[in-house]
C-alpha atoms as a PDB file:
ATOM      1  CA  MET A   1      64.986 -48.209  11.517  1.00  0.00           C
ATOM      2  CA  ASP A   2      65.825 -51.920  11.510  1.00  0.00           C
ATOM      3  CA  GLN A   3      64.658 -54.244   8.773  1.00  0.00           C
ATOM      4  CA  PRO A   4      64.881 -58.026   8.381  1.00  0.00           C
ATOM      5  CA  GLN A   5      68.144 -59.360   6.981  1.00  0.00           C
ATOM      6  CA  SER A   6      66.272 -61.487   4.439  1.00  0.00           C
ATOM      7  CA  MET A   7      63.045 -60.433   2.809  1.00  0.00           C
ATOM      8  CA  THR A   8      61.659 -61.522  -0.524  1.00  0.00           C
ATOM      9  CA  PRO A   9      61.064 -58.477  -2.761  1.00  0.00           C
ATOM     10  CA  THR A  10      57.297 -58.256  -3.187  1.00  0.00           C
ATOM     11  CA  VAL A  11      56.773 -54.537  -3.819  1.00  0.00           C
ATOM     12  CA  THR A  12      56.733 -52.400  -6.954  1.00  0.00           C
ATOM     13  CA  ALA A  13      57.247 -48.711  -6.262  1.00  0.00           C
ATOM     14  CA  ILE A  14      55.376 -46.428  -8.665  1.00  0.00           C
ATOM     15  CA  VAL A  15      56.836 -42.943  -9.005  1.00  0.00           C
ATOM     16  CA  VAL A  16      55.045 -40.413 -11.225  1.00  0.00           C
ATOM     17  CA  SER A  17      57.390 -37.563 -12.124  1.00  0.00           C
ATOM     18  CA  TYR A  18      56.623 -34.222 -13.754  1.00  0.00           C
ATOM     19  CA  PHE A  19      59.524 -31.723 -13.799  1.00  0.00           C
ATOM     20  CA  THR A  20      60.478 -32.920 -10.333  1.00  0.00           C
ATOM     21  CA  GLY A  21      64.001 -31.542 -10.205  1.00  0.00           C
ATOM     22  CA  PRO A  22      67.096 -32.698  -8.267  1.00  0.00           C
ATOM     23  CA  VAL A  23      65.124 -34.244  -5.375  1.00  0.00           C
ATOM     24  CA  LEU A  24      64.180 -37.115  -7.717  1.00  0.00           C
ATOM     25  CA  THR A  25      67.705 -38.492  -7.271  1.00  0.00           C
ATOM     26  CA  ARG A  26      67.333 -38.633  -3.494  1.00  0.00           C
ATOM     27  CA  SER A  27      63.893 -40.200  -3.802  1.00  0.00           C
ATOM     28  CA  LEU A  28      65.175 -43.001  -6.015  1.00  0.00           C
ATOM     29  CA  GLN A  29      68.155 -43.540  -3.711  1.00  0.00           C
ATOM     30  CA  SER A  30      65.854 -43.987  -0.728  1.00  0.00           C
ATOM     31  CA  LEU A  31      63.736 -46.541  -2.592  1.00  0.00           C
ATOM     32  CA  CYS A  32      66.767 -48.536  -3.746  1.00  0.00           C
ATOM     33  CA  THR A  33      67.744 -49.217  -0.123  1.00  0.00           C
ATOM     34  CA  GLN A  34      64.398 -50.921   0.586  1.00  0.00           C
ATOM     35  CA  ARG A  35      64.831 -54.715   0.461  1.00  0.00           C
ATOM     36  CA  PRO A  36      61.149 -55.487  -0.198  1.00  0.00           C
ATOM     37  CA  ILE A  37      61.144 -53.381  -3.380  1.00  0.00           C
ATOM     38  CA  ALA A  38      61.703 -55.550  -6.437  1.00  0.00           C
ATOM     39  CA  GLU A  39      61.271 -52.817  -9.010  1.00  0.00           C
ATOM     40  CA  ILE A  40      60.725 -49.079  -9.365  1.00  0.00           C
ATOM     41  CA  ILE A  41      58.462 -48.000 -12.207  1.00  0.00           C
ATOM     42  CA  LEU A  42      59.148 -44.372 -13.024  1.00  0.00           C
ATOM     43  CA  VAL A  43      56.281 -42.865 -15.001  1.00  0.00           C
ATOM     44  CA  ASP A  44      57.788 -39.889 -16.815  1.00  0.00           C
ATOM     45  CA  ASN A  45      54.932 -37.437 -17.375  1.00  0.00           C
ATOM     46  CA  GLY A  46      57.418 -34.792 -18.477  1.00  0.00           C
ATOM     47  CA  ASN A  47      60.895 -33.694 -17.415  1.00  0.00           C
ATOM     48  CA  PHE A  48      63.690 -31.671 -18.943  1.00  0.00           C
ATOM     49  CA  PRO A  49      65.817 -33.712 -21.369  1.00  0.00           C
ATOM     50  CA  GLY A  50      68.371 -35.757 -19.465  1.00  0.00           C
ATOM     51  CA  ASP A  51      66.919 -35.129 -15.983  1.00  0.00           C
ATOM     52  CA  VAL A  52      65.497 -38.620 -15.519  1.00  0.00           C
ATOM     53  CA  GLU A  53      68.615 -40.298 -16.892  1.00  0.00           C
ATOM     54  CA  MET A  54      70.798 -38.161 -14.605  1.00  0.00           C
ATOM     55  CA  ALA A  55      68.664 -39.000 -11.557  1.00  0.00           C
ATOM     56  CA  ILE A  56      68.914 -42.725 -12.315  1.00  0.00           C
ATOM     57  CA  GLU A  57      72.672 -42.522 -12.849  1.00  0.00           C
ATOM     58  CA  GLU A  58      73.343 -40.453  -9.727  1.00  0.00           C
ATOM     59  CA  SER A  59      71.165 -42.719  -7.580  1.00  0.00           C
ATOM     60  CA  ASN A  60      72.794 -45.899  -8.931  1.00  0.00           C
ATOM     61  CA  SER A  61      69.327 -47.294  -9.570  1.00  0.00           C
ATOM     62  CA  ALA A  62      69.615 -48.349 -13.214  1.00  0.00           C
ATOM     63  CA  GLU A  63      69.110 -52.033 -12.389  1.00  0.00           C
ATOM     64  CA  ARG A  64      65.961 -51.328 -10.370  1.00  0.00           C
ATOM     65  CA  VAL A  65      64.213 -48.614 -12.391  1.00  0.00           C
ATOM     66  CA  ARG A  66      61.978 -49.103 -15.406  1.00  0.00           C
ATOM     67  CA  VAL A  67      61.045 -45.843 -17.129  1.00  0.00           C
ATOM     68  CA  ILE A  68      57.725 -45.412 -18.922  1.00  0.00           C
ATOM     69  CA  SER A  69      57.737 -42.325 -21.129  1.00  0.00           C
ATOM     70  CA  GLY A  70      56.459 -40.862 -24.373  1.00  0.00           C
ATOM     71  CA  HIS A  71      52.831 -40.525 -23.254  1.00  0.00           C
ATOM     72  CA  GLY A  72      53.013 -36.856 -22.234  1.00  0.00           C
ATOM     73  CA  ASN A  73      51.524 -35.402 -19.082  1.00  0.00           C
ATOM     74  CA  ILE A  74      48.549 -37.670 -18.421  1.00  0.00           C
ATOM     75  CA  GLY A  75      48.169 -36.607 -14.785  1.00  0.00           C
ATOM     76  CA  PHE A  76      48.953 -38.276 -11.473  1.00  0.00           C
ATOM     77  CA  ALA A  77      45.976 -40.654 -11.306  1.00  0.00           C
ATOM     78  CA  ALA A  78      46.456 -41.976 -14.836  1.00  0.00           C
ATOM     79  CA  GLY A  79      50.205 -42.239 -14.217  1.00  0.00           C
ATOM     80  CA  CYS A  80      49.639 -44.404 -11.137  1.00  0.00           C
ATOM     81  CA  ASN A  81      47.271 -46.662 -13.055  1.00  0.00           C
ATOM     82  CA  LEU A  82      49.743 -46.976 -15.921  1.00  0.00           C
ATOM     83  CA  GLY A  83      52.454 -48.090 -13.512  1.00  0.00           C
ATOM     84  CA  ALA A  84      50.093 -50.480 -11.707  1.00  0.00           C
ATOM     85  CA  ARG A  85      49.209 -52.238 -14.959  1.00  0.00           C
ATOM     86  CA  MET A  86      52.923 -52.820 -15.605  1.00  0.00           C
ATOM     87  CA  ALA A  87      53.687 -54.133 -12.105  1.00  0.00           C
ATOM     88  CA  GLN A  88      54.153 -57.873 -11.489  1.00  0.00           C
ATOM     89  CA  THR A  89      54.553 -57.976  -7.688  1.00  0.00           C
ATOM     90  CA  ASP A  90      52.132 -58.658  -4.828  1.00  0.00           C
ATOM     91  CA  HIS A  91      52.200 -55.107  -3.458  1.00  0.00           C
ATOM     92  CA  LEU A  92      52.229 -51.572  -4.839  1.00  0.00           C
ATOM     93  CA  LEU A  93      53.870 -48.559  -3.250  1.00  0.00           C
ATOM     94  CA  ILE A  94      52.685 -45.282  -4.728  1.00  0.00           C
ATOM     95  CA  PHE A  95      55.431 -42.827  -3.860  1.00  0.00           C
ATOM     96  CA  ASN A  96      55.923 -39.143  -4.603  1.00  0.00           C
ATOM     97  CA  PRO A  97      59.114 -38.205  -6.482  1.00  0.00           C
ATOM     98  CA  ASP A  98      59.798 -35.483  -3.898  1.00  0.00           C
ATOM     99  CA  ALA A  99      59.661 -37.841  -0.907  1.00  0.00           C
ATOM    100  CA  ILE A 100      62.420 -39.714   0.953  1.00  0.00           C
ATOM    101  CA  MET A 101      61.638 -43.139   2.434  1.00  0.00           C
ATOM    102  CA  PRO A 102      63.636 -43.877   5.618  1.00  0.00           C
ATOM    103  CA  GLU A 103      65.829 -46.961   5.717  1.00  0.00           C
ATOM    104  CA  GLY A 104      63.705 -49.996   6.481  1.00  0.00           C
ATOM    105  CA  GLY A 105      60.511 -48.019   6.018  1.00  0.00           C
ATOM    106  CA  VAL A 106      58.823 -50.330   3.510  1.00  0.00           C
ATOM    107  CA  ALA A 107      59.754 -53.435   5.534  1.00  0.00           C
ATOM    108  CA  ARG A 108      58.230 -51.850   8.642  1.00  0.00           C
ATOM    109  CA  MET A 109      55.018 -51.014   6.807  1.00  0.00           C
ATOM    110  CA  LEU A 110      54.731 -54.576   5.504  1.00  0.00           C
ATOM    111  CA  ALA A 111      55.429 -56.009   8.955  1.00  0.00           C
ATOM    112  CA  ASP A 112      52.766 -53.799  10.531  1.00  0.00           C
ATOM    113  CA  ALA A 113      50.325 -54.794   7.800  1.00  0.00           C
ATOM    114  CA  ALA A 114      50.961 -58.527   8.223  1.00  0.00           C
ATOM    115  CA  ALA A 115      48.368 -58.843  10.983  1.00  0.00           C
ATOM    116  CA  LEU A 116      45.722 -56.872   9.094  1.00  0.00           C
ATOM    117  CA  GLU A 117      42.808 -58.409   7.281  1.00  0.00           C
ATOM    118  CA  HIS A 118      42.492 -57.802   3.554  1.00  0.00           C
ATOM    119  CA  PRO A 119      41.861 -55.467   1.925  1.00  0.00           C
ATOM    120  CA  TRP A 120      44.090 -52.867   3.572  1.00  0.00           C
ATOM    121  CA  LEU A 121      45.686 -49.597   2.527  1.00  0.00           C
ATOM    122  CA  MET A 122      48.505 -48.002   4.536  1.00  0.00           C
ATOM    123  CA  GLY A 123      50.093 -44.568   4.559  1.00  0.00           C
ATOM    124  CA  ALA A 124      53.122 -43.164   6.370  1.00  0.00           C
ATOM    125  CA  LYS A 125      53.817 -40.131   8.527  1.00  0.00           C
ATOM    126  CA  LEU A 126      54.700 -37.259   6.195  1.00  0.00           C
ATOM    127  CA  VAL A 127      57.153 -34.804   7.711  1.00  0.00           C
ATOM    128  CA  GLY A 128      58.902 -31.736   6.381  1.00  0.00           C
ATOM    129  CA  PRO A 129      62.691 -31.317   6.386  1.00  0.00           C
ATOM    130  CA  ASP A 130      62.213 -29.889   9.902  1.00  0.00           C
ATOM    131  CA  GLY A 131      60.723 -33.183  11.122  1.00  0.00           C
ATOM    132  CA  ILE A 132      57.285 -31.709  11.825  1.00  0.00           C
ATOM    133  CA  GLU A 133      54.285 -33.679  10.584  1.00  0.00           C
ATOM    134  CA  GLN A 134      52.793 -32.210   7.448  1.00  0.00           C
ATOM    135  CA  GLN A 135      49.209 -31.576   6.527  1.00  0.00           C
ATOM    136  CA  GLY A 136      47.765 -34.525   4.645  1.00  0.00           C
ATOM    137  CA  SER A 137      49.283 -37.504   6.495  1.00  0.00           C
ATOM    138  CA  ARG A 138      45.987 -38.347   8.211  1.00  0.00           C
ATOM    139  CA  ARG A 139      42.606 -36.837   7.512  1.00  0.00           C
ATOM    140  CA  ARG A 140      38.916 -37.315   8.078  1.00  0.00           C
ATOM    141  CA  VAL A 141      36.417 -37.848   5.278  1.00  0.00           C
ATOM    142  CA  LEU A 142      36.279 -34.785   3.052  1.00  0.00           C
ATOM    143  CA  THR A 143      32.708 -33.488   2.832  1.00  0.00           C
ATOM    144  CA  PRO A 144      31.334 -30.115   1.727  1.00  0.00           C
ATOM    145  CA  GLY A 145      30.765 -29.382   5.407  1.00  0.00           C
ATOM    146  CA  SER A 146      34.279 -30.303   6.570  1.00  0.00           C
ATOM    147  CA  ALA A 147      35.763 -28.366   3.654  1.00  0.00           C
ATOM    148  CA  PHE A 148      33.774 -25.303   4.729  1.00  0.00           C
ATOM    149  CA  VAL A 149      34.954 -25.661   8.340  1.00  0.00           C
ATOM    150  CA  GLU A 150      38.567 -26.075   7.194  1.00  0.00           C
ATOM    151  CA  ALA A 151      38.442 -23.111   4.792  1.00  0.00           C
ATOM    152  CA  THR A 152      36.770 -20.737   7.253  1.00  0.00           C
ATOM    153  CA  LYS A 153      38.743 -22.025  10.286  1.00  0.00           C
ATOM    154  CA  LEU A 154      35.515 -22.491  12.255  1.00  0.00           C
ATOM    155  CA  TYR A 155      37.283 -25.261  14.167  1.00  0.00           C
ATOM    156  CA  ARG A 156      38.918 -22.540  16.255  1.00  0.00           C
ATOM    157  CA  LEU A 157      35.543 -21.613  17.765  1.00  0.00           C
ATOM    158  CA  ALA A 158      34.726 -25.042  19.186  1.00  0.00           C
ATOM    159  CA  PRO A 159      37.500 -27.588  18.503  1.00  0.00           C
ATOM    160  CA  GLN A 160      35.638 -30.417  20.255  1.00  0.00           C
ATOM    161  CA  HIS A 161      32.263 -29.830  18.644  1.00  0.00           C
ATOM    162  CA  PRO A 162      31.392 -32.631  16.157  1.00  0.00           C
ATOM    163  CA  TYR A 163      30.218 -30.084  13.575  1.00  0.00           C
ATOM    164  CA  PHE A 164      33.446 -28.067  13.747  1.00  0.00           C
ATOM    165  CA  GLN A 165      36.096 -30.800  13.598  1.00  0.00           C
ATOM    166  CA  ARG A 166      38.976 -30.379  11.202  1.00  0.00           C
ATOM    167  CA  PHE A 167      39.425 -32.359   8.014  1.00  0.00           C
ATOM    168  CA  ASN A 168      43.213 -32.363   8.533  1.00  0.00           C
ATOM    169  CA  LEU A 169      44.448 -34.115  11.692  1.00  0.00           C
ATOM    170  CA  HIS A 170      48.147 -33.249  11.634  1.00  0.00           C
ATOM    171  CA  THR A 171      47.783 -30.669  14.433  1.00  0.00           C
ATOM    172  CA  SER A 172      46.411 -33.257  16.871  1.00  0.00           C
ATOM    173  CA  ASP A 173      48.657 -35.556  18.895  1.00  0.00           C
ATOM    174  CA  CYS A 174      50.314 -38.151  16.720  1.00  0.00           C
ATOM    175  CA  PRO A 175      49.274 -41.702  17.679  1.00  0.00           C
ATOM    176  CA  ASP A 176      51.871 -44.098  19.074  1.00  0.00           C
ATOM    177  CA  ASP A 177      50.873 -47.009  16.894  1.00  0.00           C
ATOM    178  CA  VAL A 178      49.158 -47.865  13.619  1.00  0.00           C
ATOM    179  CA  ILE A 179      45.554 -46.638  13.584  1.00  0.00           C
ATOM    180  CA  ASP A 180      42.723 -46.659  11.094  1.00  0.00           C
ATOM    181  CA  VAL A 181      41.876 -43.272   9.577  1.00  0.00           C
ATOM    182  CA  PRO A 182      39.433 -42.286   6.842  1.00  0.00           C
ATOM    183  CA  THR A 183      41.983 -40.655   4.530  1.00  0.00           C
ATOM    184  CA  ILE A 184      45.739 -40.759   3.925  1.00  0.00           C
ATOM    185  CA  SER A 185      47.952 -38.987   1.394  1.00  0.00           C
ATOM    186  CA  GLY A 186      48.692 -40.212  -2.113  1.00  0.00           C
ATOM    187  CA  ALA A 187      52.316 -39.246  -1.490  1.00  0.00           C
ATOM    188  CA  VAL A 188      52.790 -42.640   0.210  1.00  0.00           C
ATOM    189  CA  MET A 189      50.312 -45.479  -0.322  1.00  0.00           C
ATOM    190  CA  LEU A 190      51.121 -49.163   0.211  1.00  0.00           C
ATOM    191  CA  LEU A 191      48.571 -51.886  -0.528  1.00  0.00           C
ATOM    192  CA  PRO A 192      48.175 -55.287  -2.163  1.00  0.00           C
ATOM    193  CA  HIS A 193      48.266 -55.116  -5.950  1.00  0.00           C
ATOM    194  CA  THR A 194      45.038 -57.095  -6.328  1.00  0.00           C
ATOM    195  CA  ASP A 195      43.172 -54.712  -3.998  1.00  0.00           C
ATOM    196  CA  TYR A 196      44.310 -51.714  -5.989  1.00  0.00           C
ATOM    197  CA  MET A 197      43.053 -53.234  -9.220  1.00  0.00           C
ATOM    198  CA  ALA A 198      39.835 -54.501  -7.621  1.00  0.00           C
ATOM    199  CA  ASN A 199      39.082 -50.958  -6.501  1.00  0.00           C
ATOM    200  CA  GLY A 200      39.477 -49.714 -10.072  1.00  0.00           C
ATOM    201  CA  GLY A 201      42.718 -47.887  -9.372  1.00  0.00           C
ATOM    202  CA  MET A 202      42.736 -44.103  -9.247  1.00  0.00           C
ATOM    203  CA  ASP A 203      39.872 -42.219 -10.885  1.00  0.00           C
ATOM    204  CA  GLU A 204      41.531 -40.732 -13.967  1.00  0.00           C
ATOM    205  CA  HIS A 205      38.968 -37.929 -14.143  1.00  0.00           C
ATOM    206  CA  TYR A 206      41.135 -36.276 -11.467  1.00  0.00           C
ATOM    207  CA  PHE A 207      44.198 -34.879 -13.173  1.00  0.00           C
ATOM    208  CA  MET A 208      46.079 -33.850 -10.054  1.00  0.00           C
ATOM    209  CA  HIS A 209      44.989 -33.659  -6.395  1.00  0.00           C
ATOM    210  CA  VAL A 210      41.912 -35.156  -4.683  1.00  0.00           C
ATOM    211  CA  GLU A 211      42.377 -38.522  -6.462  1.00  0.00           C
ATOM    212  CA  ASP A 212      43.874 -39.888  -3.221  1.00  0.00           C
ATOM    213  CA  VAL A 213      40.920 -38.641  -1.148  1.00  0.00           C
ATOM    214  CA  ASP A 214      38.544 -40.199  -3.661  1.00  0.00           C
ATOM    215  CA  PHE A 215      40.474 -43.487  -3.669  1.00  0.00           C
ATOM    216  CA  CYS A 216      40.419 -43.766   0.136  1.00  0.00           C
ATOM    217  CA  LEU A 217      36.668 -43.147   0.257  1.00  0.00           C
ATOM    218  CA  ARG A 218      35.958 -45.707  -2.483  1.00  0.00           C
ATOM    219  CA  PHE A 219      38.339 -48.189  -0.836  1.00  0.00           C
ATOM    220  CA  ALA A 220      36.488 -47.882   2.471  1.00  0.00           C
ATOM    221  CA  ASP A 221      33.084 -48.089   0.785  1.00  0.00           C
ATOM    222  CA  ALA A 222      34.200 -51.373  -0.805  1.00  0.00           C
ATOM    223  CA  GLY A 223      34.955 -52.837   2.631  1.00  0.00           C
ATOM    224  CA  GLY A 224      38.633 -51.943   2.911  1.00  0.00           C
ATOM    225  CA  ASP A 225      40.455 -50.399   5.866  1.00  0.00           C
ATOM    226  CA  VAL A 226      42.747 -47.376   5.627  1.00  0.00           C
ATOM    227  CA  TYR A 227      45.642 -47.082   8.090  1.00  0.00           C
ATOM    228  CA  PHE A 228      48.127 -44.433   9.184  1.00  0.00           C
ATOM    229  CA  ASN A 229      51.571 -45.672  10.248  1.00  0.00           C
ATOM    230  CA  PRO A 230      53.403 -43.263  12.606  1.00  0.00           C
ATOM    231  CA  HIS A 231      56.492 -45.503  12.741  1.00  0.00           C
ATOM    232  CA  VAL A 232      57.615 -44.545   9.220  1.00  0.00           C
ATOM    233  CA  PRO A 233      58.503 -40.844   8.897  1.00  0.00           C
ATOM    234  CA  VAL A 234      58.768 -39.975   5.203  1.00  0.00           C
ATOM    235  CA  VAL A 235      60.412 -36.638   4.467  1.00  0.00           C
ATOM    236  CA  HIS A 236      58.285 -34.802   1.923  1.00  0.00           C
ATOM    237  CA  PHE A 237      59.605 -31.806  -0.005  1.00  0.00           C
ATOM    238  CA  LYS A 238      56.563 -29.869  -1.144  1.00  0.00           C
ATOM    239  CA  SER A 239      56.448 -27.718  -4.284  1.00  0.00           C
ATOM    240  CA  SER A 240      59.526 -29.304  -5.848  1.00  0.00           C
ATOM    241  CA  SER A 241      57.874 -29.525  -9.255  1.00  0.00           C
ATOM    242  CA  ARG A 242      58.333 -26.714 -11.769  1.00  0.00           C
ATOM    243  CA  ALA A 243      54.639 -26.942 -12.672  1.00  0.00           C
ATOM    244  CA  ASN A 244      52.697 -23.663 -12.808  1.00  0.00           C
ATOM    245  CA  PRO A 245      51.198 -23.128  -9.304  1.00  0.00           C
ATOM    246  CA  VAL A 246      48.120 -21.373 -10.730  1.00  0.00           C
ATOM    247  CA  LYS A 247      47.358 -24.362 -12.964  1.00  0.00           C
ATOM    248  CA  ILE A 248      47.846 -26.669  -9.997  1.00  0.00           C
ATOM    249  CA  GLU A 249      45.314 -24.710  -7.933  1.00  0.00           C
ATOM    250  CA  ALA A 250      42.870 -24.678 -10.856  1.00  0.00           C
ATOM    251  CA  ARG A 251      43.087 -28.466 -11.224  1.00  0.00           C
ATOM    252  CA  LYS A 252      42.761 -28.903  -7.457  1.00  0.00           C
ATOM    253  CA  THR A 253      39.621 -26.745  -7.396  1.00  0.00           C
ATOM    254  CA  ALA A 254      38.111 -28.678 -10.308  1.00  0.00           C
ATOM    255  CA  GLY A 255      38.989 -31.946  -8.548  1.00  0.00           C
ATOM    256  CA  ILE A 256      37.306 -30.972  -5.286  1.00  0.00           C
ATOM    257  CA  ILE A 257      34.147 -29.939  -7.151  1.00  0.00           C
ATOM    258  CA  ARG A 258      34.069 -33.234  -9.035  1.00  0.00           C
ATOM    259  CA  TYR A 259      34.579 -35.156  -5.784  1.00  0.00           C
ATOM    260  CA  PHE A 260      31.697 -33.376  -4.029  1.00  0.00           C
ATOM    261  CA  HIS A 261      29.268 -33.968  -6.887  1.00  0.00           C
ATOM    262  CA  LYS A 262      30.396 -37.573  -7.321  1.00  0.00           C
ATOM    263  CA  HIS A 263      29.974 -38.609  -3.689  1.00  0.00           C
ATOM    264  CA  PHE A 264      27.566 -36.171  -2.031  1.00  0.00           C
ATOM    265  CA  GLU A 265      24.851 -35.205  -4.519  1.00  0.00           C
ATOM    266  CA  LYS A 266      22.361 -37.395  -2.626  1.00  0.00           C
ATOM    267  CA  ALA A 267      23.400 -36.134   0.802  1.00  0.00           C
ATOM    268  CA  TYR A 268      23.364 -32.393   0.027  1.00  0.00           C
ATOM    269  CA  PRO A 269      20.843 -30.279  -1.914  1.00  0.00           C
ATOM    270  CA  ARG A 270      22.131 -29.410  -5.365  1.00  0.00           C
ATOM    271  CA  PRO A 271      21.730 -25.642  -4.788  1.00  0.00           C
ATOM    272  CA  PHE A 272      24.052 -25.972  -1.796  1.00  0.00           C
ATOM    273  CA  LEU A 273      26.627 -27.803  -3.892  1.00  0.00           C
ATOM    274  CA  TRP A 274      26.335 -25.111  -6.565  1.00  0.00           C
ATOM    275  CA  LEU A 275      26.969 -22.540  -3.844  1.00  0.00           C
ATOM    276  CA  VAL A 276      30.056 -24.483  -2.766  1.00  0.00           C
ATOM    277  CA  ASP A 277      31.201 -24.632  -6.411  1.00  0.00           C
ATOM    278  CA  GLY A 278      30.911 -20.876  -6.695  1.00  0.00           C
ATOM    279  CA  ALA A 279      32.751 -20.307  -3.419  1.00  0.00           C
ATOM    280  CA  LEU A 280      35.607 -22.568  -4.525  1.00  0.00           C
ATOM    281  CA  TRP A 281      36.005 -20.856  -7.886  1.00  0.00           C
ATOM    282  CA  LEU A 282      35.760 -17.463  -6.173  1.00  0.00           C
ATOM    283  CA  SER A 283      38.552 -18.493  -3.827  1.00  0.00           C
ATOM    284  CA  PHE A 284      40.635 -19.589  -6.805  1.00  0.00           C
ATOM    285  CA  GLY A 285      39.905 -16.306  -8.589  1.00  0.00           C
ATOM    286  CA  MET A 286      41.086 -14.296  -5.585  1.00  0.00           C
ATOM    287  CA  LEU A 287      44.267 -16.372  -5.440  1.00  0.00           C
ATOM    288  CA  PHE A 288      44.811 -15.826  -9.168  1.00  0.00           C
ATOM    289  CA  ILE A 289      44.369 -12.034  -8.802  1.00  0.00           C
ATOM    290  CA  LYS A 290      46.689 -11.973  -5.784  1.00  0.00           C
ATOM    291  CA  ARG A 291      49.424 -13.826  -7.667  1.00  0.00           C
ATOM    292  CA  ALA A 292      48.961 -11.584 -10.723  1.00  0.00           C
ATOM    293  CA  ILE A 293      49.299  -8.438  -8.597  1.00  0.00           C
ATOM    294  CA  LEU A 294      52.396  -9.746  -6.822  1.00  0.00           C
ATOM    295  CA  LYS A 295      53.948 -10.725 -10.144  1.00  0.00           C
ATOM    296  CA  ALA A 296      53.202  -7.264 -11.566  1.00  0.00           C
ATOM    297  CA  LEU A 297      54.704  -5.563  -8.506  1.00  0.00           C
ATOM    298  CA  ARG A 298      57.841  -7.665  -8.760  1.00  0.00           C
ATOM    299  CA  LEU A 299      58.141  -6.802 -12.445  1.00  0.00           C
ATOM    300  CA  VAL A 300      57.672  -3.078 -11.751  1.00  0.00           C
ATOM    301  CA  GLY A 301      60.186  -3.234  -8.923  1.00  0.00           C
ATOM    302  CA  PHE A 302      62.684  -5.022 -11.143  1.00  0.00           C
ATOM    303  CA  ARG A 303      62.319  -2.397 -13.861  1.00  0.00           C
ATOM    304  CA  MET A 304      62.585   0.440 -11.363  1.00  0.00           C
ATOM    305  CA  ARG A 305      65.769  -1.022  -9.921  1.00  0.00           C
ATOM    306  CA  ASN A 306      67.205  -1.497 -13.387  1.00  0.00           C
ATOM    307  CA  GLY A 307      66.157   2.054 -14.306  1.00  0.00           C
ATOM    308  CA  GLU A 308      67.828   3.524 -11.234  1.00  0.00           C
ATOM    309  CA  ARG A 309      71.032   1.655 -11.946  1.00  0.00           C
ATOM    310  CA  GLY A 310      70.931   2.853 -15.562  1.00  0.00           C
ATOM    311  CA  LEU A 311      70.395   6.451 -14.431  1.00  0.00           C
ATOM    312  CA  ARG A 312      73.335   6.276 -12.020  1.00  0.00           C
ATOM    313  CA  ARG A 313      75.567   4.855 -14.734  1.00  0.00           C
ATOM    314  CA  ALA A 314      74.511   7.643 -17.132  1.00  0.00           C
ATOM    315  CA  ARG A 315      75.215  10.330 -14.549  1.00  0.00           C
ATOM    316  CA  ALA A 316      78.623   8.865 -13.720  1.00  0.00           C
ATOM    317  CA  LEU A 317      79.499   8.729 -17.429  1.00  0.00           C
ATOM    318  CA  SER A 318      78.380  12.335 -17.889  1.00  0.00           C
ATOM    319  CA  LYS A 319      80.577  13.481 -15.009  1.00  0.00           C
ATOM    320  CA  ARG A 320      83.627  11.708 -16.394  1.00  0.00           C
ATOM    321  CA  GLN A 321      83.078  13.282 -19.811  1.00  0.00           C
ATOM    322  CA  SER A 322      82.661  16.785 -18.299  1.00  0.00           C
ATOM    323  CA  LYS A 323      86.038  16.474 -16.546  1.00  0.00           C
ATOM    324  CA  ARG A 324      87.891  15.836 -19.774  1.00  0.00           C
END
């Protein structure tokens, strides 16, 4: 991906890290190659001692990275806002610590945004290591109805019916050029700094997940336009964090419930929203039980295997002693 030979750095990349692991090094390396990026603010919500320092050293990014630490795990939304308050540039790039920006990616996004009217918010095409577009790159507005269709897979019955359309759009044909979409992923968000602050930043009541969906909806309600850029494929390594997956799902469930009540209490009867709340927590409970059972089975299997090996060793020792 080509980028201009000369470009004034006007972007601050904000990376919120929580026990990210080795992929943080590759993420920082990819950001350091972007000419428009003047500074990388790494918000350290919690990592093993030495991990952040090692990632900075291995990525040769010491001159570009400013680390903010000592505040504990304040969540993704609050971490983004903390970094935004420290930034001094015209643009912000919110970027996941487990993502890899292609060479020239930020320059391409800025070039494609140059013709857009303010305020604008742009995301990239998230792909897995296999190059296939991931869920979350481009989405419709999340409503209790679309969430129900997505969860129950009703879209398979009548894909073209307006009532049964998917919230996630990654399975549809990828557009050839930049298009406006209702929702993009918080893994990659580029926008003018002033527009981010004018929109109030991320809602810090969301600890992790759904804050990006909420931000896109509020941004659009304030008169902004949200865009998906298919020209910039960002490799996204999911589940790189060592965070407890059950806690992540619990926070995600709580976030979705907050989002529904915040934005749709006037559009939907409260009893219906309460029913949705119950269904979401029931779904989380089933996932929790499933994980607990699988963990118990693995533990039992491990002990059985260890017990069988111990029994074989005891029998072999008994045979050797009987031969003496």
